[in-house]
């Protein structure tokens, strides 16, 4: 019984310690496979609150996980969403 509890605790510590770093790499790879082959963008960021910033011809906007444009690509710079809002910059 003690050995089972000890093994469980060791596995939990290992998962908590190493999973976040490896998960981030897996998530970025999944974003690349989902977005890059199917959509034509110059740059795609990681998803934040269900949206990813995308860039084409120096203009930036946001897409959802299906690739649908949610915020048109008409901004010069955007920041990630936080609490459902994002800061965008448009110079012209």
Foldseek 3Di string as FASTA:
>chain_A
DVVVVVVVVVVVVVCVVPVVVVVVVVQVVVLCVQDVVPDDFPDWAGDDPQWIWTHHPQFIFIDGSNRHTPGDRQFNDKDHDDPRDIDTHHDD
